Amino acid sequence: MSKDSENIKKMADQLRQGATLTGHSCPACFSPLFKIKGKGLWCVSCQKPVKIAKEGENEPQTKKTTVSSTLETTILNKIQELEKQLIEETDPEKLGKLGSSLSILLENLEKIQKMKKPT
């Protein structure tokens, strides 16, 4: 079953259990948000609570944390993919390109981790 199909099934389950579909979407994955009793706004796809700032308010810290966590996970996955390619590659030119890509990903990972640290 595809991820989209799984998410639709989860959303339908939430509706059957009494959740309310809202007009808002998740800032991380853009899926519709549900209002769930005892949890507030909830993203079924991300399986995380979502806070929405009113106009003129500062963005909630949770949005920044969610986006940076998602991005961090993506970068870590790409680093693992590059590692597998590096192990098998023997062409010096391709190794150089893979090394450059790896370096860029590691720099971005470091920036995200610094951004997540409390100031």
Protein backbone atom coordinates (compact mmCIF):
# COMPACT_ATOMS: atom_id res chain seq x y z
CA MET A 1 0.00 0.00 0.00
CA SER A 2 1.40 3.43 -0.93
CA LYS A 3 2.15 6.07 1.68
CA ASP A 4 -0.67 8.25 0.31
CA SER A 5 -3.14 5.38 0.62
CA GLU A 6 -1.99 4.69 4.16
CA ASN A 7 -2.40 8.36 5.11
CA ILE A 8 -5.90 8.51 3.61
CA LYS A 9 -6.85 5.40 5.59
CA LYS A 10 -5.46 6.98 8.79
CA MET A 11 -7.40 10.19 8.09
CA ALA A 12 -10.62 8.25 7.54
CA ASP A 13 -9.99 6.39 10.81
CA GLN A 14 -9.57 9.69 12.65
CA LEU A 15 -12.85 10.98 11.24
CA ARG A 16 -14.63 7.80 12.33
CA GLN A 17 -13.21 8.27 15.82
CA GLY A 18 -14.68 11.77 16.07
CA ALA A 19 -11.86 13.99 14.83
CA THR A 20 -12.80 17.15 12.94
CA LEU A 21 -11.22 18.04 9.60
CA THR A 22 -10.03 21.66 9.66
CA GLY A 23 -9.33 24.12 6.87
CA HIS A 24 -5.65 24.22 7.81
CA SER A 25 -2.75 22.23 6.39
CA CYS A 26 0.46 20.99 7.96
CA PRO A 27 3.38 23.41 7.47
CA ALA A 28 5.78 20.48 7.07
CA CYS A 29 3.95 18.12 4.67
CA PHE A 30 0.86 20.14 3.62
CA SER A 31 -1.56 17.38 4.62
CA PRO A 32 -4.92 18.47 6.05
CA LEU A 33 -4.97 19.00 9.81
CA PHE A 34 -7.47 17.42 12.16
CA LYS A 35 -8.75 18.67 15.49
CA ILE A 36 -8.53 15.72 17.84
CA LYS A 37 -9.99 15.78 21.33
CA GLY A 38 -7.16 15.93 23.86
CA LYS A 39 -4.50 16.57 21.19
CA GLY A 40 -5.61 19.82 19.54
CA LEU A 41 -4.52 20.24 15.93
CA TRP A 42 -2.88 17.10 14.65
CA CYS A 43 -1.15 16.07 11.42
CA VAL A 44 -2.04 12.48 10.68
CA SER A 45 0.74 12.16 8.09
CA CYS A 46 3.54 13.44 10.37
CA GLN A 47 1.94 12.00 13.51
CA LYS A 48 2.68 15.27 15.34
CA PRO A 49 0.76 18.12 16.93
CA VAL A 50 0.72 21.40 15.02
CA LYS A 51 0.43 24.90 16.41
CA ILE A 52 -0.79 27.74 14.23
CA ALA A 53 0.18 31.33 14.94
CA LYS A 54 -2.37 34.08 14.48
CA GLU A 55 -1.45 36.92 12.15
CA GLY A 56 1.01 39.26 13.84
CA GLU A 57 2.24 36.65 16.33
CA ASN A 58 5.65 35.04 16.22
CA GLU A 59 5.73 31.62 14.60
CA PRO A 60 5.58 28.84 17.14
CA GLN A 61 8.91 27.19 17.87
CA THR A 62 7.38 23.81 17.06
CA LYS A 63 7.10 24.65 13.33
CA LYS A 64 10.79 25.53 13.14
CA THR A 65 11.68 22.36 15.02
CA THR A 66 9.44 20.16 12.84
CA VAL A 67 10.78 21.56 9.57
CA SER A 68 14.41 21.33 10.70
CA SER A 69 13.88 17.76 11.98
CA THR A 70 12.33 16.71 8.67
CA LEU A 71 15.14 18.35 6.72
CA GLU A 72 17.75 16.78 8.99
CA THR A 73 16.25 13.33 8.38
CA THR A 74 16.27 13.90 4.62
CA ILE A 75 19.91 14.97 4.65
CA LEU A 76 20.92 11.99 6.80
CA ASN A 77 19.18 9.66 4.32
CA LYS A 78 21.03 11.28 1.41
CA ILE A 79 24.34 10.91 3.25
CA GLN A 80 23.66 7.19 3.68
CA GLU A 81 22.84 6.87 -0.03
CA LEU A 82 26.10 8.62 -0.95
CA GLU A 83 28.04 6.39 1.42
CA LYS A 84 26.77 3.30 -0.41
CA GLN A 85 27.78 4.82 -3.75
CA LEU A 86 31.24 5.75 -2.40
CA ILE A 87 31.88 2.19 -1.26
CA GLU A 88 31.20 0.77 -4.73
CA GLU A 89 32.71 3.56 -6.89
CA THR A 90 36.21 3.26 -8.34
CA ASP A 91 36.26 6.06 -10.94
CA PRO A 92 38.31 8.95 -9.45
CA GLU A 93 36.21 11.61 -11.23
CA LYS A 94 32.94 10.17 -9.88
CA LEU A 95 34.52 9.77 -6.43
CA GLY A 96 35.39 13.48 -6.51
CA LYS A 97 31.82 14.44 -7.36
CA LEU A 98 30.43 12.15 -4.67
CA GLY A 99 32.90 13.62 -2.16
CA SER A 100 31.83 17.16 -3.04
CA SER A 101 28.17 16.26 -2.66
CA LEU A 102 28.89 14.59 0.67
CA SER A 103 30.76 17.66 1.88
CA ILE A 104 27.84 19.94 1.00
CA LEU A 105 25.36 17.66 2.77
CA LEU A 106 27.54 17.51 5.88
CA GLU A 107 27.84 21.32 5.95
CA ASN A 108 24.08 21.67 5.70
CA LEU A 109 23.55 19.05 8.39
CA GLU A 110 25.86 21.01 10.70
CA LYS A 111 23.92 24.23 10.01
CA ILE A 112 20.60 22.53 10.81
CA GLN A 113 21.98 21.09 14.03
CA LYS A 114 23.28 24.52 15.08
CA MET A 115 19.89 26.04 14.27
CA LYS A 116 18.14 23.47 16.50
CA LYS A 117 20.33 24.21 19.53
CA PRO A 118 18.64 26.44 22.10
CA THR A 119 20.07 29.94 22.17
